[in-house]
Amino acid sequence: RLKDTQSQLIQSEKMASLGELTAGIAHEIQNPLNFVNNFSEL
C-alpha cells in the first residue's frame, strides 16, 4: 500500500506539472489566436 501510495503521489506531481504547463500554454496561445481571428475578419 505504501509503494502504491508513493506511485500515486509521484503521478499526481507529474499531472500537476502538466496542469500548470497546460494553463500557461492556454494563456499564451490566446494571443496568436486573437491575431488569426482579427486578421481573418479584416
Full PDB file with SEQRES, HELIX, SHEET, SSBOND, CRYST1, ORIGX, SCALE, CONECT and MASTER records, all heavy atoms in Angstrom:
SEQRES   1 A   42  ARG LEU LYS ASP THR GLN SER GLN LEU ILE GLN SER GLU          
SEQRES   2 A   42  LYS MET ALA SER LEU GLY GLU LEU THR ALA GLY ILE ALA          
SEQRES   3 A   42  HIS GLU ILE GLN ASN PRO LEU ASN PHE VAL ASN ASN PHE          
SEQRES   4 A   42  SER GLU LEU                                                  
HELIX    1 AA1 LEU A    2  GLU A   41  1                                  40    
CRYST1    1.000    1.000    1.000  90.00  90.00  90.00 P 1           1          
ORIGX1      1.000000  0.000000  0.000000        0.00000                         
ORIGX2      0.000000  1.000000  0.000000        0.00000                         
ORIGX3      0.000000  0.000000  1.000000        0.00000                         
SCALE1      1.000000  0.000000  0.000000        0.00000                         
SCALE2      0.000000  1.000000  0.000000        0.00000                         
SCALE3      0.000000  0.000000  1.000000        0.00000                         
ATOM      1  N   ARG A   1       0.828  -1.212   0.000  1.00  0.00           N  
ATOM      2  CA  ARG A   1       0.000   0.000   0.000  1.00  0.00           C  
ATOM      3  C   ARG A   1       0.861   1.260   0.000  1.00  0.00           C  
ATOM      4  O   ARG A   1       0.536   2.254  -0.660  1.00  0.00           O  
ATOM      5  CB  ARG A   1      -0.921  -0.003   1.226  1.00  0.00           C  
ATOM      6  CG  ARG A   1      -2.047  -1.032   1.147  1.00  0.00           C  
ATOM      7  CD  ARG A   1      -3.129  -0.739   2.191  1.00  0.00           C  
ATOM      8  NE  ARG A   1      -2.612  -0.839   3.543  1.00  0.00           N  
ATOM      9  CZ  ARG A   1      -2.580  -1.960   4.252  1.00  0.00           C  
ATOM     10  NH1 ARG A   1      -3.030  -3.091   3.727  1.00  0.00           N  
ATOM     11  NH2 ARG A   1      -2.101  -1.974   5.492  1.00  0.00           N  
ATOM     12  N   LEU A   2       1.974   1.201   0.751  1.00  0.00           N  
ATOM     13  CA  LEU A   2       2.883   2.351   0.789  1.00  0.00           C  
ATOM     14  C   LEU A   2       3.480   2.619  -0.592  1.00  0.00           C  
ATOM     15  O   LEU A   2       3.544   3.767  -1.034  1.00  0.00           O  
ATOM     16  CB  LEU A   2       4.006   2.096   1.797  1.00  0.00           C  
ATOM     17  CG  LEU A   2       5.081   3.191   1.917  1.00  0.00           C  
ATOM     18  CD1 LEU A   2       4.452   4.506   2.340  1.00  0.00           C  
ATOM     19  CD2 LEU A   2       6.157   2.777   2.907  1.00  0.00           C  
ATOM     20  N   LYS A   3       3.925   1.544  -1.278  1.00  0.00           N  
ATOM     21  CA  LYS A   3       4.505   1.724  -2.614  1.00  0.00           C  
ATOM     22  C   LYS A   3       3.463   2.249  -3.594  1.00  0.00           C  
ATOM     23  O   LYS A   3       3.760   3.098  -4.433  1.00  0.00           O  
ATOM     24  CB  LYS A   3       5.081   0.388  -3.113  1.00  0.00           C  
ATOM     25  CG  LYS A   3       6.348  -0.036  -2.389  1.00  0.00           C  
ATOM     26  CD  LYS A   3       6.910  -1.322  -2.973  1.00  0.00           C  
ATOM     27  CE  LYS A   3       8.225  -1.698  -2.294  1.00  0.00           C  
ATOM     28  NZ  LYS A   3       8.771  -2.974  -2.820  1.00  0.00           N  
ATOM     29  N   ASP A   4       2.206   1.720  -3.489  1.00  0.00           N  
ATOM     30  CA  ASP A   4       1.141   2.213  -4.374  1.00  0.00           C  
ATOM     31  C   ASP A   4       0.875   3.687  -4.129  1.00  0.00           C  
ATOM     32  O   ASP A   4       0.685   4.473  -5.061  1.00  0.00           O  
ATOM     33  CB  ASP A   4      -0.143   1.403  -4.139  1.00  0.00           C  
ATOM     34  CG  ASP A   4      -0.024  -0.029  -4.634  1.00  0.00           C  
ATOM     35  OD1 ASP A   4       0.896  -0.282  -5.426  1.00  0.00           O  
ATOM     36  OD2 ASP A   4      -0.831  -0.880  -4.227  1.00  0.00           O  
ATOM     37  N   THR A   5       0.857   4.076  -2.828  1.00  0.00           N  
ATOM     38  CA  THR A   5       0.621   5.486  -2.491  1.00  0.00           C  
ATOM     39  C   THR A   5       1.732   6.372  -3.037  1.00  0.00           C  
ATOM     40  O   THR A   5       1.491   7.459  -3.566  1.00  0.00           O  
ATOM     41  CB  THR A   5       0.530   5.647  -0.957  1.00  0.00           C  
ATOM     42  OG1 THR A   5      -0.518   4.809  -0.468  1.00  0.00           O  
ATOM     43  CG2 THR A   5       0.228   7.098  -0.591  1.00  0.00           C  
ATOM     44  N   GLN A   6       2.987   5.892  -2.897  1.00  0.00           N  
ATOM     45  CA  GLN A   6       4.122   6.657  -3.437  1.00  0.00           C  
ATOM     46  C   GLN A   6       3.974   6.860  -4.939  1.00  0.00           C  
ATOM     47  O   GLN A   6       4.173   7.954  -5.454  1.00  0.00           O  
ATOM     48  CB  GLN A   6       5.434   5.931  -3.133  1.00  0.00           C  
ATOM     49  CG  GLN A   6       5.959   6.175  -1.731  1.00  0.00           C  
ATOM     50  CD  GLN A   6       7.324   5.548  -1.550  1.00  0.00           C  
ATOM     51  OE1 GLN A   6       7.524   4.380  -1.859  1.00  0.00           O  
ATOM     52  NE2 GLN A   6       8.253   6.303  -1.047  1.00  0.00           N  
ATOM     53  N   SER A   7       3.618   5.778  -5.655  1.00  0.00           N  
ATOM     54  CA  SER A   7       3.462   5.868  -7.106  1.00  0.00           C  
ATOM     55  C   SER A   7       2.362   6.853  -7.471  1.00  0.00           C  
ATOM     56  O   SER A   7       2.498   7.654  -8.402  1.00  0.00           O  
ATOM     57  CB  SER A   7       3.146   4.480  -7.681  1.00  0.00           C  
ATOM     58  OG  SER A   7       4.181   3.581  -7.417  1.00  0.00           O  
ATOM     59  N   GLN A   8       1.233   6.814  -6.707  1.00  0.00           N  
ATOM     60  CA  GLN A   8       0.136   7.729  -6.985  1.00  0.00           C  
ATOM     61  C   GLN A   8       0.548   9.180  -6.742  1.00  0.00           C  
ATOM     62  O   GLN A   8       0.189  10.078  -7.504  1.00  0.00           O  
ATOM     63  CB  GLN A   8      -1.064   7.376  -6.105  1.00  0.00           C  
ATOM     64  CG  GLN A   8      -1.725   6.049  -6.479  1.00  0.00           C  
ATOM     65  CD  GLN A   8      -2.737   5.596  -5.443  1.00  0.00           C  
ATOM     66  OE1 GLN A   8      -3.025   6.306  -4.496  1.00  0.00           O  
ATOM     67  NE2 GLN A   8      -3.269   4.392  -5.622  1.00  0.00           N  
ATOM     68  N   LEU A   9       1.321   9.412  -5.665  1.00  0.00           N  
ATOM     69  CA  LEU A   9       1.764  10.784  -5.371  1.00  0.00           C  
ATOM     70  C   LEU A   9       2.717  11.305  -6.441  1.00  0.00           C  
ATOM     71  O   LEU A   9       2.649  12.474  -6.835  1.00  0.00           O  
ATOM     72  CB  LEU A   9       2.431  10.822  -3.992  1.00  0.00           C  
ATOM     73  CG  LEU A   9       1.482  10.735  -2.791  1.00  0.00           C  
ATOM     74  CD1 LEU A   9       2.271  10.572  -1.514  1.00  0.00           C  
ATOM     75  CD2 LEU A   9       0.589  11.957  -2.705  1.00  0.00           C  
ATOM     76  N   ILE A  10       3.630  10.432  -6.891  1.00  0.00           N  
ATOM     77  CA  ILE A  10       4.559  10.846  -7.952  1.00  0.00           C  
ATOM     78  C   ILE A  10       3.794  11.177  -9.226  1.00  0.00           C  
ATOM     79  O   ILE A  10       4.059  12.175  -9.897  1.00  0.00           O  
ATOM     80  CB  ILE A  10       5.607   9.745  -8.200  1.00  0.00           C  
ATOM     81  CG1 ILE A  10       6.558   9.650  -6.997  1.00  0.00           C  
ATOM     82  CG2 ILE A  10       6.405  10.021  -9.466  1.00  0.00           C  
ATOM     83  CD1 ILE A  10       7.503   8.478  -7.054  1.00  0.00           C  
ATOM     84  N   GLN A  11       2.794  10.334  -9.571  1.00  0.00           N  
ATOM     85  CA  GLN A  11       1.992  10.606 -10.755  1.00  0.00           C  
ATOM     86  C   GLN A  11       1.197  11.894 -10.582  1.00  0.00           C  
ATOM     87  O   GLN A  11       1.020  12.680 -11.515  1.00  0.00           O  
ATOM     88  CB  GLN A  11       1.041   9.420 -11.027  1.00  0.00           C  
ATOM     89  CG  GLN A  11       0.225   9.558 -12.300  1.00  0.00           C  
ATOM     90  CD  GLN A  11       1.113   9.590 -13.536  1.00  0.00           C  
ATOM     91  OE1 GLN A  11       2.221   9.069 -13.519  1.00  0.00           O  
ATOM     92  NE2 GLN A  11       0.645  10.229 -14.597  1.00  0.00           N  
ATOM     93  N   SER A  12       0.705  12.123  -9.352  1.00  0.00           N  
ATOM     94  CA  SER A  12      -0.038  13.353  -9.067  1.00  0.00           C  
ATOM     95  C   SER A  12       0.832  14.578  -9.294  1.00  0.00           C  
ATOM     96  O   SER A  12       0.394  15.585  -9.843  1.00  0.00           O  
ATOM     97  CB  SER A  12      -0.546  13.324  -7.619  1.00  0.00           C  
ATOM     98  OG  SER A  12      -1.096  14.571  -7.263  1.00  0.00           O  
ATOM     99  N   GLU A  13       2.115  14.489  -8.844  1.00  0.00           N  
ATOM    100  CA  GLU A  13       3.039  15.609  -9.043  1.00  0.00           C  
ATOM    101  C   GLU A  13       3.271  15.857 -10.521  1.00  0.00           C  
ATOM    102  O   GLU A  13       3.297  16.996 -10.987  1.00  0.00           O  
ATOM    103  CB  GLU A  13       4.362  15.313  -8.347  1.00  0.00           C  
ATOM    104  CG  GLU A  13       5.451  16.361  -8.583  1.00  0.00           C  
ATOM    105  CD  GLU A  13       5.079  17.721  -8.038  1.00  0.00           C  
ATOM    106  OE1 GLU A  13       4.299  17.781  -7.057  1.00  0.00           O  
ATOM    107  OE2 GLU A  13       5.544  18.729  -8.591  1.00  0.00           O  
ATOM    108  N   LYS A  14       3.432  14.761 -11.297  1.00  0.00           N  
ATOM    109  CA  LYS A  14       3.647  14.922 -12.737  1.00  0.00           C  
ATOM    110  C   LYS A  14       2.411  15.528 -13.407  1.00  0.00           C  
ATOM    111  O   LYS A  14       2.517  16.386 -14.289  1.00  0.00           O  
ATOM    112  CB  LYS A  14       3.993  13.575 -13.370  1.00  0.00           C  
ATOM    113  CG  LYS A  14       5.364  13.054 -12.964  1.00  0.00           C  
ATOM    114  CD  LYS A  14       5.683  11.741 -13.646  1.00  0.00           C  
ATOM    115  CE  LYS A  14       7.084  11.248 -13.257  1.00  0.00           C  
ATOM    116  NZ  LYS A  14       7.396   9.944 -13.883  1.00  0.00           N  
ATOM    117  N   MET A  15       1.208  15.103 -12.988  1.00  0.00           N  
ATOM    118  CA  MET A  15      -0.016  15.649 -13.572  1.00  0.00           C  
ATOM    119  C   MET A  15      -0.189  17.115 -13.172  1.00  0.00           C  
ATOM    120  O   MET A  15      -0.688  17.928 -13.952  1.00  0.00           O  
ATOM    121  CB  MET A  15      -1.218  14.825 -13.116  1.00  0.00           C  
ATOM    122  CG  MET A  15      -1.241  13.402 -13.672  1.00  0.00           C  
ATOM    123  SD  MET A  15      -1.137  13.359 -15.474  1.00  0.00           S  
ATOM    124  CE  MET A  15      -2.681  14.137 -15.900  1.00  0.00           C  
ATOM    125  N   ALA A  16       0.204  17.455 -11.926  1.00  0.00           N  
ATOM    126  CA  ALA A  16       0.136  18.853 -11.501  1.00  0.00           C  
ATOM    127  C   ALA A  16       1.050  19.712 -12.368  1.00  0.00           C  
ATOM    128  O   ALA A  16       0.694  20.820 -12.778  1.00  0.00           O  
ATOM    129  CB  ALA A  16       0.521  18.977 -10.030  1.00  0.00           C  
ATOM    130  N   SER A  17       2.245  19.171 -12.637  1.00  0.00           N  
ATOM    131  CA  SER A  17       3.186  19.880 -13.512  1.00  0.00           C  
ATOM    132  C   SER A  17       2.585  20.075 -14.893  1.00  0.00           C  
ATOM    133  O   SER A  17       2.666  21.152 -15.481  1.00  0.00           O  
ATOM    134  CB  SER A  17       4.496  19.090 -13.606  1.00  0.00           C  
ATOM    135  OG  SER A  17       5.330  19.631 -14.589  1.00  0.00           O  
ATOM    136  N   LEU A  18       1.939  19.022 -15.425  1.00  0.00           N  
ATOM    137  CA  LEU A  18       1.322  19.116 -16.747  1.00  0.00           C  
ATOM    138  C   LEU A  18       0.169  20.117 -16.725  1.00  0.00           C  
ATOM    139  O   LEU A  18      -0.053  20.866 -17.672  1.00  0.00           O  
ATOM    140  CB  LEU A  18       0.834  17.729 -17.180  1.00  0.00           C  
ATOM    141  CG  LEU A  18       0.201  17.643 -18.583  1.00  0.00           C  
ATOM    142  CD1 LEU A  18       1.208  18.095 -19.628  1.00  0.00           C  
ATOM    143  CD2 LEU A  18      -0.272  16.233 -18.864  1.00  0.00           C  
ATOM    144  N   GLY A  19      -0.599  20.141 -15.602  1.00  0.00           N  
ATOM    145  CA  GLY A  19      -1.703  21.086 -15.493  1.00  0.00           C  
ATOM    146  C   GLY A  19      -1.220  22.521 -15.515  1.00  0.00           C  
ATOM    147  O   GLY A  19      -1.806  23.389 -16.179  1.00  0.00           O  
ATOM    148  N   GLU A  20      -0.133  22.781 -14.768  1.00  0.00           N  
ATOM    149  CA  GLU A  20       0.429  24.135 -14.766  1.00  0.00           C  
ATOM    150  C   GLU A  20       0.918  24.517 -16.151  1.00  0.00           C  
ATOM    151  O   GLU A  20       0.739  25.645 -16.611  1.00  0.00           O  
ATOM    152  CB  GLU A  20       1.561  24.214 -13.751  1.00  0.00           C  
ATOM    153  CG  GLU A  20       1.084  24.102 -12.306  1.00  0.00           C  
ATOM    154  CD  GLU A  20       2.245  23.981 -11.330  1.00  0.00           C  
ATOM    155  OE1 GLU A  20       3.361  23.756 -11.799  1.00  0.00           O  
ATOM    156  OE2 GLU A  20       2.018  24.111 -10.120  1.00  0.00           O  
ATOM    157  N   LEU A  21       1.540  23.554 -16.842  1.00  0.00           N  
ATOM    158  CA  LEU A  21       2.041  23.815 -18.189  1.00  0.00           C  
ATOM    159  C   LEU A  21       0.883  24.095 -19.137  1.00  0.00           C  
ATOM    160  O   LEU A  21       0.920  25.012 -19.949  1.00  0.00           O  
ATOM    161  CB  LEU A  21       2.841  22.608 -18.674  1.00  0.00           C  
ATOM    162  CG  LEU A  21       3.390  22.697 -20.102  1.00  0.00           C  
ATOM    163  CD1 LEU A  21       4.458  23.773 -20.160  1.00  0.00           C  
ATOM    164  CD2 LEU A  21       3.969  21.371 -20.527  1.00  0.00           C  
ATOM    165  N   THR A  22      -0.197  23.307 -19.011  1.00  0.00           N  
ATOM    166  CA  THR A  22      -1.355  23.476 -19.888  1.00  0.00           C  
ATOM    167  C   THR A  22      -1.977  24.849 -19.695  1.00  0.00           C  
ATOM    168  O   THR A  22      -2.379  25.512 -20.652  1.00  0.00           O  
ATOM    169  CB  THR A  22      -2.389  22.376 -19.598  1.00  0.00           C  
ATOM    170  OG1 THR A  22      -1.767  21.102 -19.728  1.00  0.00           O  
ATOM    171  CG2 THR A  22      -3.550  22.467 -20.562  1.00  0.00           C  
ATOM    172  N   ALA A  23      -2.090  25.279 -18.431  1.00  0.00           N  
ATOM    173  CA  ALA A  23      -2.658  26.600 -18.158  1.00  0.00           C  
ATOM    174  C   ALA A  23      -1.820  27.692 -18.823  1.00  0.00           C  
ATOM    175  O   ALA A  23      -2.352  28.643 -19.411  1.00  0.00           O  
ATOM    176  CB  ALA A  23      -2.727  26.824 -16.652  1.00  0.00           C  
ATOM    177  N   GLY A  24      -0.495  27.547 -18.732  1.00  0.00           N  
ATOM    178  CA  GLY A  24       0.386  28.536 -19.355  1.00  0.00           C  
ATOM    179  C   GLY A  24       0.238  28.553 -20.864  1.00  0.00           C  
ATOM    180  O   GLY A  24       0.202  29.613 -21.496  1.00  0.00           O  
ATOM    181  N   ILE A  25       0.152  27.357 -21.451  1.00  0.00           N  
ATOM    182  CA  ILE A  25       0.031  27.266 -22.910  1.00  0.00           C  
ATOM    183  C   ILE A  25      -1.302  27.857 -23.368  1.00  0.00           C  
ATOM    184  O   ILE A  25      -1.385  28.592 -24.355  1.00  0.00           O  
ATOM    185  CB  ILE A  25       0.173  25.799 -23.350  1.00  0.00           C  
ATOM    186  CG1 ILE A  25       1.625  25.346 -23.158  1.00  0.00           C  
ATOM    187  CG2 ILE A  25      -0.225  25.607 -24.792  1.00  0.00           C  
ATOM    188  CD1 ILE A  25       1.846  23.882 -23.385  1.00  0.00           C  
ATOM    189  N   ALA A  26      -2.377  27.530 -22.631  1.00  0.00           N  
ATOM    190  CA  ALA A  26      -3.696  28.051 -22.994  1.00  0.00           C  
ATOM    191  C   ALA A  26      -3.698  29.581 -22.962  1.00  0.00           C  
ATOM    192  O   ALA A  26      -4.283  30.251 -23.825  1.00  0.00           O  
ATOM    193  CB  ALA A  26      -4.742  27.494 -22.041  1.00  0.00           C  
ATOM    194  N   HIS A  27      -3.040  30.139 -21.948  1.00  0.00           N  
ATOM    195  CA  HIS A  27      -2.984  31.598 -21.827  1.00  0.00           C  
ATOM    196  C   HIS A  27      -2.149  32.204 -22.943  1.00  0.00           C  
ATOM    197  O   HIS A  27      -2.509  33.221 -23.544  1.00  0.00           O  
ATOM    198  CB  HIS A  27      -2.409  31.966 -20.459  1.00  0.00           C  
ATOM    199  CG  HIS A  27      -2.604  33.405 -20.092  1.00  0.00           C  
ATOM    200  ND1 HIS A  27      -1.686  34.371 -20.383  1.00  0.00           N  
ATOM    201  CD2 HIS A  27      -3.641  34.040 -19.464  1.00  0.00           C  
ATOM    202  CE1 HIS A  27      -2.119  35.548 -19.941  1.00  0.00           C  
ATOM    203  NE2 HIS A  27      -3.298  35.370 -19.379  1.00  0.00           N  
ATOM    204  N   GLU A  28      -0.991  31.548 -23.231  1.00  0.00           N  
ATOM    205  CA  GLU A  28      -0.088  32.101 -24.242  1.00  0.00           C  
ATOM    206  C   GLU A  28      -0.641  31.932 -25.644  1.00  0.00           C  
ATOM    207  O   GLU A  28      -0.453  32.788 -26.507  1.00  0.00           O  
ATOM    208  CB  GLU A  28       1.290  31.438 -24.144  1.00  0.00           C  
ATOM    209  CG  GLU A  28       2.300  32.094 -25.075  1.00  0.00           C  
ATOM    210  CD  GLU A  28       3.682  31.487 -24.940  1.00  0.00           C  
ATOM    211  OE1 GLU A  28       3.803  30.483 -24.229  1.00  0.00           O  
ATOM    212  OE2 GLU A  28       4.613  32.024 -25.538  1.00  0.00           O  
ATOM    213  N   ILE A  29      -1.358  30.839 -25.892  1.00  0.00           N  
ATOM    214  CA  ILE A  29      -1.850  30.579 -27.249  1.00  0.00           C  
ATOM    215  C   ILE A  29      -2.983  31.520 -27.626  1.00  0.00           C  
ATOM    216  O   ILE A  29      -3.304  31.691 -28.799  1.00  0.00           O  
ATOM    217  CB  ILE A  29      -2.290  29.090 -27.367  1.00  0.00           C  
ATOM    218  CG1 ILE A  29      -2.185  28.634 -28.821  1.00  0.00           C  
ATOM    219  CG2 ILE A  29      -3.705  28.880 -26.846  1.00  0.00           C  
ATOM    220  CD1 ILE A  29      -2.434  27.161 -29.002  1.00  0.00           C  
ATOM    221  N   GLN A  30      -3.629  32.141 -26.614  1.00  0.00           N  
ATOM    222  CA  GLN A  30      -4.750  33.048 -26.887  1.00  0.00           C  
ATOM    223  C   GLN A  30      -4.308  34.235 -27.741  1.00  0.00           C  
ATOM    224  O   GLN A  30      -5.060  34.723 -28.597  1.00  0.00           O  
ATOM    225  CB  GLN A  30      -5.347  33.544 -25.564  1.00  0.00           C  
ATOM    226  CG  GLN A  30      -6.665  34.297 -25.722  1.00  0.00           C  
ATOM    227  CD  GLN A  30      -7.759  33.422 -26.320  1.00  0.00           C  
ATOM    228  OE1 GLN A  30      -7.968  32.308 -25.873  1.00  0.00           O  
ATOM    229  NE2 GLN A  30      -8.419  33.929 -27.351  1.00  0.00           N  
ATOM    230  N   ASN A  31      -3.058  34.699 -27.509  1.00  0.00           N  
ATOM    231  CA  ASN A  31      -2.566  35.875 -28.230  1.00  0.00           C  
ATOM    232  C   ASN A  31      -2.486  35.628 -29.743  1.00  0.00           C  
ATOM    233  O   ASN A  31      -3.073  36.375 -30.524  1.00  0.00           O  
ATOM    234  CB  ASN A  31      -1.221  36.290 -27.647  1.00  0.00           C  
ATOM    235  CG  ASN A  31      -0.769  37.633 -28.187  1.00  0.00           C  
ATOM    236  OD1 ASN A  31      -1.575  38.511 -28.419  1.00  0.00           O  
ATOM    237  ND2 ASN A  31       0.528  37.785 -28.388  1.00  0.00           N  
ATOM    238  N   PRO A  32      -1.752  34.569 -30.218  1.00  0.00           N  
ATOM    239  CA  PRO A  32      -1.733  34.337 -31.670  1.00  0.00           C  
ATOM    240  C   PRO A  32      -3.109  34.009 -32.234  1.00  0.00           C  
ATOM    241  O   PRO A  32      -3.415  34.356 -33.371  1.00  0.00           O  
ATOM    242  CB  PRO A  32      -0.764  33.166 -31.832  1.00  0.00           C  
ATOM    243  CG  PRO A  32      -0.669  32.551 -30.498  1.00  0.00           C  
ATOM    244  CD  PRO A  32      -0.884  33.638 -29.511  1.00  0.00           C  
ATOM    245  N   LEU A  33      -3.984  33.357 -31.458  1.00  0.00           N  
ATOM    246  CA  LEU A  33      -5.328  33.063 -31.958  1.00  0.00           C  
ATOM    247  C   LEU A  33      -6.131  34.357 -32.151  1.00  0.00           C  
ATOM    248  O   LEU A  33      -6.929  34.472 -33.099  1.00  0.00           O  
ATOM    249  CB  LEU A  33      -6.051  32.125 -30.987  1.00  0.00           C  
ATOM    250  CG  LEU A  33      -5.552  30.678 -30.963  1.00  0.00           C  
ATOM    251  CD1 LEU A  33      -6.318  29.866 -29.941  1.00  0.00           C  
ATOM    252  CD2 LEU A  33      -5.671  30.041 -32.343  1.00  0.00           C  
ATOM    253  N   ASN A  34      -5.947  35.323 -31.249  1.00  0.00           N  
ATOM    254  CA  ASN A  34      -6.617  36.616 -31.424  1.00  0.00           C  
ATOM    255  C   ASN A  34      -6.172  37.285 -32.724  1.00  0.00           C  
ATOM    256  O   ASN A  34      -6.985  37.856 -33.463  1.00  0.00           O  
ATOM    257  CB  ASN A  34      -6.335  37.530 -30.243  1.00  0.00           C  
ATOM    258  CG  ASN A  34      -7.093  37.111 -28.995  1.00  0.00           C  
ATOM    259  OD1 ASN A  34      -8.096  36.416 -29.084  1.00  0.00           O  
ATOM    260  ND2 ASN A  34      -6.610  37.519 -27.822  1.00  0.00           N  
ATOM    261  N   PHE A  35      -4.853  37.226 -32.985  1.00  0.00           N  
ATOM    262  CA  PHE A  35      -4.350  37.787 -34.239  1.00  0.00           C  
ATOM    263  C   PHE A  35      -4.988  37.095 -35.442  1.00  0.00           C  
ATOM    264  O   PHE A  35      -5.396  37.732 -36.416  1.00  0.00           O  
ATOM    265  CB  PHE A  35      -2.825  37.656 -34.302  1.00  0.00           C  
ATOM    266  CG  PHE A  35      -2.093  38.758 -33.597  1.00  0.00           C  
ATOM    267  CD1 PHE A  35      -1.473  38.518 -32.386  1.00  0.00           C  
ATOM    268  CD2 PHE A  35      -2.031  40.037 -34.143  1.00  0.00           C  
ATOM    269  CE1 PHE A  35      -0.803  39.526 -31.724  1.00  0.00           C  
ATOM    270  CE2 PHE A  35      -1.345  41.050 -33.490  1.00  0.00           C  
ATOM    271  CZ  PHE A  35      -0.737  40.802 -32.276  1.00  0.00           C  
ATOM    272  N   VAL A  36      -5.034  35.747 -35.406  1.00  0.00           N  
ATOM    273  CA  VAL A  36      -5.619  34.993 -36.526  1.00  0.00           C  
ATOM    274  C   VAL A  36      -7.073  35.410 -36.740  1.00  0.00           C  
ATOM    275  O   VAL A  36      -7.515  35.673 -37.875  1.00  0.00           O  
ATOM    276  CB  VAL A  36      -5.525  33.473 -36.244  1.00  0.00           C  
ATOM    277  CG1 VAL A  36      -6.329  32.697 -37.279  1.00  0.00           C  
ATOM    278  CG2 VAL A  36      -4.077  33.018 -36.283  1.00  0.00           C  
ATOM    279  N   ASN A  37      -7.860  35.493 -35.664  1.00  0.00           N  
ATOM    280  CA  ASN A  37      -9.280  35.866 -35.784  1.00  0.00           C  
ATOM    281  C   ASN A  37      -9.440  37.294 -36.323  1.00  0.00           C  
ATOM    282  O   ASN A  37     -10.260  37.553 -37.217  1.00  0.00           O  
ATOM    283  CB  ASN A  37      -9.962  35.749 -34.432  1.00  0.00           C  
ATOM    284  CG  ASN A  37     -10.075  34.308 -33.975  1.00  0.00           C  
ATOM    285  OD1 ASN A  37     -10.098  33.396 -34.792  1.00  0.00           O  
ATOM    286  ND2 ASN A  37     -10.155  34.088 -32.664  1.00  0.00           N  
ATOM    287  N   ASN A  38      -8.651  38.238 -35.752  1.00  0.00           N  
ATOM    288  CA  ASN A  38      -8.783  39.647 -36.163  1.00  0.00           C  
ATOM    289  C   ASN A  38      -8.432  39.843 -37.634  1.00  0.00           C  
ATOM    290  O   ASN A  38      -9.145  40.516 -38.389  1.00  0.00           O  
ATOM    291  CB  ASN A  38      -7.912  40.534 -35.289  1.00  0.00           C  
ATOM    292  CG  ASN A  38      -8.419  40.598 -33.859  1.00  0.00           C  
ATOM    293  OD1 ASN A  38      -9.588  40.344 -33.603  1.00  0.00           O  
ATOM    294  ND2 ASN A  38      -7.538  40.921 -32.917  1.00  0.00           N  
ATOM    295  N   PHE A  39      -7.293  39.249 -38.062  1.00  0.00           N  
ATOM    296  CA  PHE A  39      -6.880  39.418 -39.463  1.00  0.00           C  
ATOM    297  C   PHE A  39      -7.814  38.682 -40.415  1.00  0.00           C  
ATOM    298  O   PHE A  39      -7.989  39.075 -41.568  1.00  0.00           O  
ATOM    299  CB  PHE A  39      -5.438  38.947 -39.642  1.00  0.00           C  
ATOM    300  CG  PHE A  39      -4.413  39.940 -39.157  1.00  0.00           C  
ATOM    301  CD1 PHE A  39      -3.572  39.629 -38.106  1.00  0.00           C  
ATOM    302  CD2 PHE A  39      -4.299  41.195 -39.748  1.00  0.00           C  
ATOM    303  CE1 PHE A  39      -2.646  40.536 -37.652  1.00  0.00           C  
ATOM    304  CE2 PHE A  39      -3.359  42.098 -39.298  1.00  0.00           C  
ATOM    305  CZ  PHE A  39      -2.529  41.785 -38.245  1.00  0.00           C  
ATOM    306  N   SER A  40      -8.413  37.575 -39.951  1.00  0.00           N  
ATOM    307  CA  SER A  40      -9.387  36.865 -40.794  1.00  0.00           C  
ATOM    308  C   SER A  40     -10.621  37.741 -41.027  1.00  0.00           C  
ATOM    309  O   SER A  40     -11.132  37.851 -42.160  1.00  0.00           O  
ATOM    310  CB  SER A  40      -9.800  35.551 -40.125  1.00  0.00           C  
ATOM    311  OG  SER A  40      -8.708  34.694 -40.020  1.00  0.00           O  
ATOM    312  N   GLU A  41     -11.146  38.361 -39.939  1.00  0.00           N  
ATOM    313  CA  GLU A  41     -12.303  39.246 -40.079  1.00  0.00           C  
ATOM    314  C   GLU A  41     -11.981  40.437 -40.985  1.00  0.00           C  
ATOM    315  O   GLU A  41     -12.780  40.839 -41.847  1.00  0.00           O  
ATOM    316  CB  GLU A  41     -12.739  39.736 -38.705  1.00  0.00           C  
ATOM    317  CG  GLU A  41     -13.339  38.645 -37.830  1.00  0.00           C  
ATOM    318  CD  GLU A  41     -13.679  39.142 -36.431  1.00  0.00           C  
ATOM    319  OE1 GLU A  41     -13.505  40.359 -36.192  1.00  0.00           O  
ATOM    320  OE2 GLU A  41     -14.125  38.320 -35.598  1.00  0.00           O  
ATOM    321  N   LEU A  42     -10.784  41.000 -40.774  1.00  0.00           N  
ATOM    322  CA  LEU A  42     -10.376  42.146 -41.597  1.00  0.00           C  
ATOM    323  C   LEU A  42     -10.269  41.754 -43.066  1.00  0.00           C  
ATOM    324  O   LEU A  42     -10.664  42.503 -43.963  1.00  0.00           O  
ATOM    325  CB  LEU A  42      -9.040  42.691 -41.084  1.00  0.00           C  
ATOM    326  CG  LEU A  42      -8.505  43.950 -41.777  1.00  0.00           C  
ATOM    327  CD1 LEU A  42      -9.509  45.093 -41.647  1.00  0.00           C  
ATOM    328  CD2 LEU A  42      -7.180  44.358 -41.161  1.00  0.00           C  
TER     329      LEU A  42                                                      
MASTER        0    0    0    1    0    0    0    6  328    1    0    4          
END                                                                             
